[in-house]
Amino acid sequence: MIANTPKPPYFAVIFTSTLKSSAHNYEAMAKKMVNLAQKQKGFLGLESVREELGITVSYWKDEESIKSWKQQTDHLMAQKLGKEQWYKTHKVRICYVTRDYPDLSK
């Protein structure tokens, strides 16, 4: 589902990853992190897909909201588990969104 974001400017955090073949309990933790992120101050929305490559884009009001999310206790634990157990590769990109375009299919 496409996130319903406000009028720019806002920020996007793009998290791209590939999983190890044995990523036990990854899906449960991913769902927990989505639910937790949605409760964070400054959270605006999220879009996520996973096949061989997983891409999650979360949208945030400002950089301070992103920093707070990065340091949230449960999220820190998930980051540690991801590095140690689940991710073969991963990368985080933070972007400043200056414009977006409407859904032209409507």
PDB file of N, CA and C in Angstrom:
ATOM      1  N   MET A   1       0.832  -1.169   0.000  1.00  0.00           N
ATOM      2  CA  MET A   1       0.000   0.000   0.000  1.00  0.00           C
ATOM      3  C   MET A   1       0.888   1.247   0.000  1.00  0.00           C
ATOM      4  N   ILE A   2       0.508   2.239  -0.741  1.00  0.00           N
ATOM      5  CA  ILE A   2       1.270   3.481  -0.824  1.00  0.00           C
ATOM      6  C   ILE A   2       0.907   4.370   0.364  1.00  0.00           C
ATOM      7  N   ALA A   3       1.922   4.853   1.064  1.00  0.00           N
ATOM      8  CA  ALA A   3       1.705   5.700   2.236  1.00  0.00           C
ATOM      9  C   ALA A   3       1.063   7.021   1.834  1.00  0.00           C
ATOM     10  N   ASN A   4       0.162   7.491   2.645  1.00  0.00           N
ATOM     11  CA  ASN A   4      -0.506   8.770   2.431  1.00  0.00           C
ATOM     12  C   ASN A   4       0.279   9.837   3.187  1.00  0.00           C
ATOM     13  N   THR A   5       1.289  10.385   2.542  1.00  0.00           N
ATOM     14  CA  THR A   5       2.172  11.360   3.181  1.00  0.00           C
ATOM     15  C   THR A   5       1.625  12.777   3.022  1.00  0.00           C
ATOM     16  N   PRO A   6       2.030  13.672   3.911  1.00  0.00           N
ATOM     17  CA  PRO A   6       1.581  15.066   3.816  1.00  0.00           C
ATOM     18  C   PRO A   6       2.317  15.797   2.692  1.00  0.00           C
ATOM     19  N   LYS A   7       1.930  17.022   2.481  1.00  0.00           N
ATOM     20  CA  LYS A   7       2.622  17.862   1.512  1.00  0.00           C
ATOM     21  C   LYS A   7       4.071  18.041   1.980  1.00  0.00           C
ATOM     22  N   PRO A   8       5.053  17.893   1.064  1.00  0.00           N
ATOM     23  CA  PRO A   8       6.459  18.080   1.453  1.00  0.00           C
ATOM     24  C   PRO A   8       6.713  19.505   1.931  1.00  0.00           C
ATOM     25  N   PRO A   9       7.814  19.681   2.650  1.00  0.00           N
ATOM     26  CA  PRO A   9       8.932  18.763   2.829  1.00  0.00           C
ATOM     27  C   PRO A   9       8.748  17.820   4.014  1.00  0.00           C
ATOM     28  N   TYR A  10       9.397  16.678   3.902  1.00  0.00           N
ATOM     29  CA  TYR A  10       9.506  15.691   4.964  1.00  0.00           C
ATOM     30  C   TYR A  10      10.708  14.808   4.631  1.00  0.00           C
ATOM     31  N   PHE A  11      10.972  13.810   5.444  1.00  0.00           N
ATOM     32  CA  PHE A  11      12.134  12.951   5.228  1.00  0.00           C
ATOM     33  C   PHE A  11      11.699  11.521   4.947  1.00  0.00           C
ATOM     34  N   ALA A  12      12.535  10.806   4.207  1.00  0.00           N
ATOM     35  CA  ALA A  12      12.329   9.385   3.939  1.00  0.00           C
ATOM     36  C   ALA A  12      13.582   8.628   4.361  1.00  0.00           C
ATOM     37  N   VAL A  13      13.379   7.511   5.041  1.00  0.00           N
ATOM     38  CA  VAL A  13      14.467   6.605   5.386  1.00  0.00           C
ATOM     39  C   VAL A  13      14.259   5.350   4.541  1.00  0.00           C
ATOM     40  N   ILE A  14      15.233   5.065   3.696  1.00  0.00           N
ATOM     41  CA  ILE A  14      15.161   3.897   2.815  1.00  0.00           C
ATOM     42  C   ILE A  14      16.073   2.821   3.390  1.00  0.00           C
ATOM     43  N   PHE A  15      15.483   1.702   3.777  1.00  0.00           N
ATOM     44  CA  PHE A  15      16.234   0.580   4.327  1.00  0.00           C
ATOM     45  C   PHE A  15      16.158  -0.564   3.324  1.00  0.00           C
ATOM     46  N   THR A  16      17.302  -0.944   2.792  1.00  0.00           N
ATOM     47  CA  THR A  16      17.393  -2.005   1.792  1.00  0.00           C
ATOM     48  C   THR A  16      18.201  -3.150   2.383  1.00  0.00           C
ATOM     49  N   SER A  17      17.728  -4.393   2.173  1.00  0.00           N
ATOM     50  CA  SER A  17      18.437  -5.525   2.773  1.00  0.00           C
ATOM     51  C   SER A  17      18.238  -6.806   1.972  1.00  0.00           C
ATOM     52  N   THR A  18      19.183  -7.722   2.180  1.00  0.00           N
ATOM     53  CA  THR A  18      19.022  -9.106   1.749  1.00  0.00           C
ATOM     54  C   THR A  18      19.185  -9.958   3.008  1.00  0.00           C
ATOM     55  N   LEU A  19      18.419 -11.037   3.070  1.00  0.00           N
ATOM     56  CA  LEU A  19      18.433 -11.891   4.258  1.00  0.00           C
ATOM     57  C   LEU A  19      19.350 -13.092   4.090  1.00  0.00           C
ATOM     58  N   LYS A  20      19.874 -13.555   5.198  1.00  0.00           N
ATOM     59  CA  LYS A  20      20.582 -14.827   5.221  1.00  0.00           C
ATOM     60  C   LYS A  20      19.554 -15.931   5.002  1.00  0.00           C
ATOM     61  N   SER A  21      20.003 -17.111   4.620  1.00  0.00           N
ATOM     62  CA  SER A  21      19.060 -18.201   4.373  1.00  0.00           C
ATOM     63  C   SER A  21      18.327 -18.639   5.639  1.00  0.00           C
ATOM     64  N   SER A  22      18.942 -18.454   6.789  1.00  0.00           N
ATOM     65  CA  SER A  22      18.288 -18.812   8.054  1.00  0.00           C
ATOM     66  C   SER A  22      17.975 -17.539   8.839  1.00  0.00           C
ATOM     67  N   ALA A  23      16.845 -16.953   8.543  1.00  0.00           N
ATOM     68  CA  ALA A  23      16.442 -15.710   9.214  1.00  0.00           C
ATOM     69  C   ALA A  23      15.233 -15.990  10.115  1.00  0.00           C
ATOM     70  N   HIS A  24      15.428 -16.899  11.069  1.00  0.00           N
ATOM     71  CA  HIS A  24      14.348 -17.291  11.982  1.00  0.00           C
ATOM     72  C   HIS A  24      13.840 -16.086  12.776  1.00  0.00           C
ATOM     73  N   ASN A  25      12.534 -15.989  12.887  1.00  0.00           N
ATOM     74  CA  ASN A  25      11.840 -14.948  13.658  1.00  0.00           C
ATOM     75  C   ASN A  25      11.957 -13.543  13.057  1.00  0.00           C
ATOM     76  N   TYR A  26      12.510 -13.435  11.853  1.00  0.00           N
ATOM     77  CA  TYR A  26      12.654 -12.119  11.231  1.00  0.00           C
ATOM     78  C   TYR A  26      11.286 -11.476  10.967  1.00  0.00           C
ATOM     79  N   GLU A  27      10.366 -12.225  10.387  1.00  0.00           N
ATOM     80  CA  GLU A  27       9.054 -11.668  10.030  1.00  0.00           C
ATOM     81  C   GLU A  27       8.325 -11.134  11.261  1.00  0.00           C
ATOM     82  N   ALA A  28       8.372 -11.860  12.358  1.00  0.00           N
ATOM     83  CA  ALA A  28       7.701 -11.421  13.584  1.00  0.00           C
ATOM     84  C   ALA A  28       8.309 -10.117  14.089  1.00  0.00           C
ATOM     85  N   MET A  29       9.632 -10.019  14.054  1.00  0.00           N
ATOM     86  CA  MET A  29      10.289  -8.794  14.504  1.00  0.00           C
ATOM     87  C   MET A  29       9.992  -7.639  13.551  1.00  0.00           C
ATOM     88  N   ALA A  30       9.961  -7.914  12.259  1.00  0.00           N
ATOM     89  CA  ALA A  30       9.659  -6.858  11.283  1.00  0.00           C
ATOM     90  C   ALA A  30       8.263  -6.280  11.543  1.00  0.00           C
ATOM     91  N   LYS A  31       7.292  -7.134  11.802  1.00  0.00           N
ATOM     92  CA  LYS A  31       5.935  -6.664  12.113  1.00  0.00           C
ATOM     93  C   LYS A  31       5.913  -5.848  13.397  1.00  0.00           C
ATOM     94  N   LYS A  32       6.647  -6.318  14.389  1.00  0.00           N
ATOM     95  CA  LYS A  32       6.727  -5.593  15.665  1.00  0.00           C
ATOM     96  C   LYS A  32       7.317  -4.201  15.454  1.00  0.00           C
ATOM     97  N   MET A  33       8.358  -4.092  14.621  1.00  0.00           N
ATOM     98  CA  MET A  33       9.005  -2.801  14.371  1.00  0.00           C
ATOM     99  C   MET A  33       8.084  -1.856  13.609  1.00  0.00           C
ATOM    100  N   VAL A  34       7.298  -2.374  12.673  1.00  0.00           N
ATOM    101  CA  VAL A  34       6.335  -1.535  11.955  1.00  0.00           C
ATOM    102  C   VAL A  34       5.318  -0.973  12.939  1.00  0.00           C
ATOM    103  N   ASN A  35       4.772  -1.839  13.789  1.00  0.00           N
ATOM    104  CA  ASN A  35       3.786  -1.390  14.787  1.00  0.00           C
ATOM    105  C   ASN A  35       4.384  -0.357  15.729  1.00  0.00           C
ATOM    106  N   LEU A  36       5.616  -0.562  16.135  1.00  0.00           N
ATOM    107  CA  LEU A  36       6.286   0.363  17.037  1.00  0.00           C
ATOM    108  C   LEU A  36       6.598   1.692  16.341  1.00  0.00           C
ATOM    109  N   ALA A  37       7.080   1.632  15.118  1.00  0.00           N
ATOM    110  CA  ALA A  37       7.398   2.861  14.367  1.00  0.00           C
ATOM    111  C   ALA A  37       6.160   3.740  14.215  1.00  0.00           C
ATOM    112  N   GLN A  38       5.021   3.107  13.960  1.00  0.00           N
ATOM    113  CA  GLN A  38       3.780   3.855  13.766  1.00  0.00           C
ATOM    114  C   GLN A  38       3.385   4.662  14.998  1.00  0.00           C
ATOM    115  N   LYS A  39       3.901   4.303  16.158  1.00  0.00           N
ATOM    116  CA  LYS A  39       3.577   4.997  17.407  1.00  0.00           C
ATOM    117  C   LYS A  39       4.575   6.104  17.746  1.00  0.00           C
ATOM    118  N   GLN A  40       5.625   6.225  16.951  1.00  0.00           N
ATOM    119  CA  GLN A  40       6.678   7.193  17.247  1.00  0.00           C
ATOM    120  C   GLN A  40       6.288   8.602  16.808  1.00  0.00           C
ATOM    121  N   LYS A  41       6.707   9.565  17.601  1.00  0.00           N
ATOM    122  CA  LYS A  41       6.476  10.973  17.269  1.00  0.00           C
ATOM    123  C   LYS A  41       7.163  11.282  15.935  1.00  0.00           C
ATOM    124  N   GLY A  42       6.438  11.928  15.037  1.00  0.00           N
ATOM    125  CA  GLY A  42       6.995  12.335  13.755  1.00  0.00           C
ATOM    126  C   GLY A  42       6.852  11.315  12.645  1.00  0.00           C
ATOM    127  N   PHE A  43       6.340  10.109  12.946  1.00  0.00           N
ATOM    128  CA  PHE A  43       6.146   9.083  11.919  1.00  0.00           C
ATOM    129  C   PHE A  43       5.008   9.494  10.996  1.00  0.00           C
ATOM    130  N   LEU A  44       5.232   9.380   9.677  1.00  0.00           N
ATOM    131  CA  LEU A  44       4.223   9.797   8.695  1.00  0.00           C
ATOM    132  C   LEU A  44       3.660   8.647   7.864  1.00  0.00           C
ATOM    133  N   GLY A  45       4.396   7.563   7.741  1.00  0.00           N
ATOM    134  CA  GLY A  45       3.917   6.450   6.920  1.00  0.00           C
ATOM    135  C   GLY A  45       5.044   5.504   6.574  1.00  0.00           C
ATOM    136  N   LEU A  46       4.672   4.384   5.896  1.00  0.00           N
ATOM    137  CA  LEU A  46       5.652   3.362   5.585  1.00  0.00           C
ATOM    138  C   LEU A  46       5.201   2.575   4.367  1.00  0.00           C
ATOM    139  N   GLU A  47       6.168   2.169   3.560  1.00  0.00           N
ATOM    140  CA  GLU A  47       5.939   1.276   2.427  1.00  0.00           C
ATOM    141  C   GLU A  47       7.018   0.205   2.475  1.00  0.00           C
ATOM    142  N   SER A  48       6.640  -1.056   2.253  1.00  0.00           N
ATOM    143  CA  SER A  48       7.626  -2.125   2.374  1.00  0.00           C
ATOM    144  C   SER A  48       7.304  -3.278   1.435  1.00  0.00           C
ATOM    145  N   VAL A  49       8.357  -3.825   0.826  1.00  0.00           N
ATOM    146  CA  VAL A  49       8.245  -5.019  -0.019  1.00  0.00           C
ATOM    147  C   VAL A  49       9.444  -5.918   0.262  1.00  0.00           C
ATOM    148  N   ARG A  50       9.230  -7.229   0.125  1.00  0.00           N
ATOM    149  CA  ARG A  50      10.347  -8.158   0.303  1.00  0.00           C
ATOM    150  C   ARG A  50      10.171  -9.325  -0.634  1.00  0.00           C
ATOM    151  N   GLU A  51      11.200  -9.549  -1.422  1.00  0.00           N
ATOM    152  CA  GLU A  51      11.381 -10.780  -2.184  1.00  0.00           C
ATOM    153  C   GLU A  51      12.820 -11.185  -1.905  1.00  0.00           C
ATOM    154  N   GLU A  52      13.664 -11.304  -2.914  1.00  0.00           N
ATOM    155  CA  GLU A  52      15.092 -11.510  -2.635  1.00  0.00           C
ATOM    156  C   GLU A  52      15.678 -10.283  -1.966  1.00  0.00           C
ATOM    157  N   LEU A  53      15.261  -9.126  -2.445  1.00  0.00           N
ATOM    158  CA  LEU A  53      15.692  -7.841  -1.907  1.00  0.00           C
ATOM    159  C   LEU A  53      14.522  -7.234  -1.148  1.00  0.00           C
ATOM    160  N   GLY A  54      14.770  -6.757   0.052  1.00  0.00           N
ATOM    161  CA  GLY A  54      13.729  -6.084   0.823  1.00  0.00           C
ATOM    162  C   GLY A  54      13.983  -4.589   0.808  1.00  0.00           C
ATOM    163  N   ILE A  55      12.918  -3.829   0.612  1.00  0.00           N
ATOM    164  CA  ILE A  55      13.017  -2.370   0.643  1.00  0.00           C
ATOM    165  C   ILE A  55      11.879  -1.844   1.506  1.00  0.00           C
ATOM    166  N   THR A  56      12.254  -1.097   2.537  1.00  0.00           N
ATOM    167  CA  THR A  56      11.274  -0.432   3.388  1.00  0.00           C
ATOM    168  C   THR A  56      11.594   1.052   3.376  1.00  0.00           C
ATOM    169  N   VAL A  57      10.576   1.850   3.075  1.00  0.00           N
ATOM    170  CA  VAL A  57      10.723   3.299   3.106  1.00  0.00           C
ATOM    171  C   VAL A  57       9.784   3.813   4.185  1.00  0.00           C
ATOM    172  N   SER A  58      10.369   4.453   5.184  1.00  0.00           N
ATOM    173  CA  SER A  58       9.543   5.079   6.219  1.00  0.00           C
ATOM    174  C   SER A  58       9.665   6.590   6.064  1.00  0.00           C
ATOM    175  N   TYR A  59       8.570   7.275   6.352  1.00  0.00           N
ATOM    176  CA  TYR A  59       8.503   8.725   6.163  1.00  0.00           C
ATOM    177  C   TYR A  59       8.373   9.400   7.527  1.00  0.00           C
ATOM    178  N   TRP A  60       9.121  10.501   7.677  1.00  0.00           N
ATOM    179  CA  TRP A  60       9.222  11.169   8.966  1.00  0.00           C
ATOM    180  C   TRP A  60       9.114  12.676   8.813  1.00  0.00           C
ATOM    181  N   LYS A  61       8.573  13.300   9.830  1.00  0.00           N
ATOM    182  CA  LYS A  61       8.381  14.749   9.842  1.00  0.00           C
ATOM    183  C   LYS A  61       9.699  15.507   9.762  1.00  0.00           C
ATOM    184  N   ASP A  62      10.707  15.027  10.519  1.00  0.00           N
ATOM    185  CA  ASP A  62      11.983  15.752  10.589  1.00  0.00           C
ATOM    186  C   ASP A  62      13.107  14.796  10.981  1.00  0.00           C
ATOM    187  N   GLU A  63      14.332  15.295  10.932  1.00  0.00           N
ATOM    188  CA  GLU A  63      15.494  14.473  11.272  1.00  0.00           C
ATOM    189  C   GLU A  63      15.508  14.076  12.743  1.00  0.00           C
ATOM    190  N   GLU A  64      14.993  14.928  13.597  1.00  0.00           N
ATOM    191  CA  GLU A  64      14.949  14.605  15.033  1.00  0.00           C
ATOM    192  C   GLU A  64      14.087  13.360  15.274  1.00  0.00           C
ATOM    193  N   SER A  65      12.985  13.243  14.554  1.00  0.00           N
ATOM    194  CA  SER A  65      12.123  12.060  14.676  1.00  0.00           C
ATOM    195  C   SER A  65      12.867  10.803  14.237  1.00  0.00           C
ATOM    196  N   ILE A  66      13.654  10.915  13.188  1.00  0.00           N
ATOM    197  CA  ILE A  66      14.448   9.781  12.694  1.00  0.00           C
ATOM    198  C   ILE A  66      15.485   9.381  13.739  1.00  0.00           C
ATOM    199  N   LYS A  67      16.168  10.361  14.315  1.00  0.00           N
ATOM    200  CA  LYS A  67      17.185  10.080  15.335  1.00  0.00           C
ATOM    201  C   LYS A  67      16.561   9.397  16.551  1.00  0.00           C
ATOM    202  N   SER A  68      15.391   9.863  16.958  1.00  0.00           N
ATOM    203  CA  SER A  68      14.703   9.249  18.105  1.00  0.00           C
ATOM    204  C   SER A  68      14.329   7.802  17.805  1.00  0.00           C
ATOM    205  N   TRP A  69      13.841   7.546  16.605  1.00  0.00           N
ATOM    206  CA  TRP A  69      13.476   6.187  16.209  1.00  0.00           C
ATOM    207  C   TRP A  69      14.713   5.290  16.191  1.00  0.00           C
ATOM    208  N   LYS A  70      15.807   5.789  15.670  1.00  0.00           N
ATOM    209  CA  LYS A  70      17.036   4.994  15.604  1.00  0.00           C
ATOM    210  C   LYS A  70      17.502   4.588  16.999  1.00  0.00           C
ATOM    211  N   GLN A  71      17.249   5.422  18.002  1.00  0.00           N
ATOM    212  CA  GLN A  71      17.712   5.161  19.365  1.00  0.00           C
ATOM    213  C   GLN A  71      16.659   4.518  20.264  1.00  0.00           C
ATOM    214  N   GLN A  72      15.472   4.229  19.731  1.00  0.00           N
ATOM    215  CA  GLN A  72      14.416   3.603  20.522  1.00  0.00           C
ATOM    216  C   GLN A  72      14.904   2.218  20.986  1.00  0.00           C
ATOM    217  N   THR A  73      14.691   1.873  22.232  1.00  0.00           N
ATOM    218  CA  THR A  73      15.272   0.676  22.847  1.00  0.00           C
ATOM    219  C   THR A  73      14.972  -0.620  22.088  1.00  0.00           C
ATOM    220  N   ASP A  74      13.709  -0.882  21.784  1.00  0.00           N
ATOM    221  CA  ASP A  74      13.362  -2.118  21.070  1.00  0.00           C
ATOM    222  C   ASP A  74      13.939  -2.115  19.654  1.00  0.00           C
ATOM    223  N   HIS A  75      13.976  -0.940  19.042  1.00  0.00           N
ATOM    224  CA  HIS A  75      14.546  -0.825  17.699  1.00  0.00           C
ATOM    225  C   HIS A  75      16.052  -1.090  17.729  1.00  0.00           C
ATOM    226  N   LEU A  76      16.739  -0.629  18.773  1.00  0.00           N
ATOM    227  CA  LEU A  76      18.169  -0.918  18.923  1.00  0.00           C
ATOM    228  C   LEU A  76      18.409  -2.431  19.005  1.00  0.00           C
ATOM    229  N   MET A  77      17.545  -3.133  19.739  1.00  0.00           N
ATOM    230  CA  MET A  77      17.666  -4.579  19.852  1.00  0.00           C
ATOM    231  C   MET A  77      17.459  -5.242  18.484  1.00  0.00           C
ATOM    232  N   ALA A  78      16.467  -4.782  17.742  1.00  0.00           N
ATOM    233  CA  ALA A  78      16.199  -5.334  16.416  1.00  0.00           C
ATOM    234  C   ALA A  78      17.370  -5.071  15.465  1.00  0.00           C
ATOM    235  N   GLN A  79      17.964  -3.879  15.560  1.00  0.00           N
ATOM    236  CA  GLN A  79      19.124  -3.570  14.718  1.00  0.00           C
ATOM    237  C   GLN A  79      20.273  -4.537  15.019  1.00  0.00           C
ATOM    238  N   LYS A  80      20.505  -4.798  16.291  1.00  0.00           N
ATOM    239  CA  LYS A  80      21.580  -5.711  16.707  1.00  0.00           C
ATOM    240  C   LYS A  80      21.314  -7.122  16.187  1.00  0.00           C
ATOM    241  N   LEU A  81      20.095  -7.608  16.362  1.00  0.00           N
ATOM    242  CA  LEU A  81      19.740  -8.946  15.864  1.00  0.00           C
ATOM    243  C   LEU A  81      19.866  -9.010  14.341  1.00  0.00           C
ATOM    244  N   GLY A  82      19.464  -7.945  13.677  1.00  0.00           N
ATOM    245  CA  GLY A  82      19.567  -7.908  12.219  1.00  0.00           C
ATOM    246  C   GLY A  82      21.003  -8.069  11.764  1.00  0.00           C
ATOM    247  N   LYS A  83      21.902  -7.320  12.364  1.00  0.00           N
ATOM    248  CA  LYS A  83      23.322  -7.389  11.993  1.00  0.00           C
ATOM    249  C   LYS A  83      23.918  -8.760  12.316  1.00  0.00           C
ATOM    250  N   GLU A  84      23.525  -9.323  13.466  1.00  0.00           N
ATOM    251  CA  GLU A  84      24.111 -10.587  13.916  1.00  0.00           C
ATOM    252  C   GLU A  84      23.477 -11.824  13.277  1.00  0.00           C
ATOM    253  N   GLN A  85      22.151 -11.785  13.026  1.00  0.00           N
ATOM    254  CA  GLN A  85      21.449 -13.012  12.648  1.00  0.00           C
ATOM    255  C   GLN A  85      20.757 -12.995  11.293  1.00  0.00           C
ATOM    256  N   TRP A  86      20.196 -11.860  10.882  1.00  0.00           N
ATOM    257  CA  TRP A  86      19.281 -11.897   9.749  1.00  0.00           C
ATOM    258  C   TRP A  86      19.828 -11.362   8.434  1.00  0.00           C
ATOM    259  N   TYR A  87      20.582 -10.280   8.473  1.00  0.00           N
ATOM    260  CA  TYR A  87      20.953  -9.615   7.218  1.00  0.00           C
ATOM    261  C   TYR A  87      22.260 -10.131   6.635  1.00  0.00           C
ATOM    262  N   LYS A  88      22.180 -10.499   5.358  1.00  0.00           N
ATOM    263  CA  LYS A  88      23.390 -10.789   4.602  1.00  0.00           C
ATOM    264  C   LYS A  88      24.028  -9.453   4.229  1.00  0.00           C
ATOM    265  N   THR A  89      23.205  -8.524   3.761  1.00  0.00           N
ATOM    266  CA  THR A  89      23.640  -7.159   3.456  1.00  0.00           C
ATOM    267  C   THR A  89      22.513  -6.204   3.822  1.00  0.00           C
ATOM    268  N   HIS A  90      22.867  -4.967   4.129  1.00  0.00           N
ATOM    269  CA  HIS A  90      21.840  -3.953   4.377  1.00  0.00           C
ATOM    270  C   HIS A  90      22.453  -2.565   4.214  1.00  0.00           C
ATOM    271  N   LYS A  91      21.589  -1.606   3.932  1.00  0.00           N
ATOM    272  CA  LYS A  91      22.024  -0.218   3.772  1.00  0.00           C
ATOM    273  C   LYS A  91      20.865   0.695   4.149  1.00  0.00           C
ATOM    274  N   VAL A  92      21.199   1.826   4.769  1.00  0.00           N
ATOM    275  CA  VAL A  92      20.209   2.842   5.140  1.00  0.00           C
ATOM    276  C   VAL A  92      20.553   4.124   4.392  1.00  0.00           C
ATOM    277  N   ARG A  93      19.525   4.726   3.806  1.00  0.00           N
ATOM    278  CA  ARG A  93      19.680   6.020   3.145  1.00  0.00           C
ATOM    279  C   ARG A  93      18.620   6.963   3.712  1.00  0.00           C
ATOM    280  N   ILE A  94      19.022   8.201   3.994  1.00  0.00           N
ATOM    281  CA  ILE A  94      18.077   9.193   4.497  1.00  0.00           C
ATOM    282  C   ILE A  94      17.973  10.302   3.466  1.00  0.00           C
ATOM    283  N   CYS A  95      16.746  10.605   3.082  1.00  0.00           N
ATOM    284  CA  CYS A  95      16.495  11.555   1.997  1.00  0.00           C
ATOM    285  C   CYS A  95      15.564  12.669   2.463  1.00  0.00           C
ATOM    286  N   TYR A  96      15.773  13.830   1.903  1.00  0.00           N
ATOM    287  CA  TYR A  96      14.899  14.977   2.145  1.00  0.00           C
ATOM    288  C   TYR A  96      13.953  15.072   0.955  1.00  0.00           C
ATOM    289  N   VAL A  97      12.665  14.922   1.206  1.00  0.00           N
ATOM    290  CA  VAL A  97      11.671  14.939   0.133  1.00  0.00           C
ATOM    291  C   VAL A  97      11.199  16.379  -0.072  1.00  0.00           C
ATOM    292  N   THR A  98      11.434  16.891  -1.261  1.00  0.00           N
ATOM    293  CA  THR A  98      11.048  18.265  -1.564  1.00  0.00           C
ATOM    294  C   THR A  98       9.770  18.343  -2.384  1.00  0.00           C
ATOM    295  N   ARG A  99       9.415  17.236  -3.025  1.00  0.00           N
ATOM    296  CA  ARG A  99       8.147  17.200  -3.765  1.00  0.00           C
ATOM    297  C   ARG A  99       7.744  15.760  -4.005  1.00  0.00           C
ATOM    298  N   ASP A 100       6.452  15.573  -4.187  1.00  0.00           N
ATOM    299  CA  ASP A 100       5.942  14.275  -4.621  1.00  0.00           C
ATOM    300  C   ASP A 100       4.803  14.539  -5.595  1.00  0.00           C
ATOM    301  N   TYR A 101       4.373  13.516  -6.260  1.00  0.00           N
ATOM    302  CA  TYR A 101       3.338  13.662  -7.284  1.00  0.00           C
ATOM    303  C   TYR A 101       2.145  12.812  -6.923  1.00  0.00           C
ATOM    304  N   PRO A 102       0.968  13.252  -7.288  1.00  0.00           N
ATOM    305  CA  PRO A 102      -0.245  12.487  -6.926  1.00  0.00           C
ATOM    306  C   PRO A 102      -0.340  11.192  -7.700  1.00  0.00           C
ATOM    307  N   ASP A 103      -1.147  10.293  -7.148  1.00  0.00           N
ATOM    308  CA  ASP A 103      -1.461   9.028  -7.806  1.00  0.00           C
ATOM    309  C   ASP A 103      -2.310   9.358  -9.033  1.00  0.00           C
ATOM    310  N   LEU A 104      -1.762   9.126 -10.225  1.00  0.00           N
ATOM    311  CA  LEU A 104      -2.454   9.487 -11.473  1.00  0.00           C
ATOM    312  C   LEU A 104      -3.518   8.486 -11.875  1.00  0.00           C
ATOM    313  N   SER A 105      -3.632   7.372 -11.166  1.00  0.00           N
ATOM    314  CA  SER A 105      -4.627   6.368 -11.524  1.00  0.00           C
ATOM    315  C   SER A 105      -6.019   6.701 -11.018  1.00  0.00           C
ATOM    316  N   LYS A 106      -6.126   7.732 -10.174  1.00  0.00           N
ATOM    317  CA  LYS A 106      -7.428   8.085  -9.602  1.00  0.00           C
ATOM    318  C   LYS A 106      -8.201   8.981 -10.536  1.00  0.00           C
TER     319      LYS A 106
END
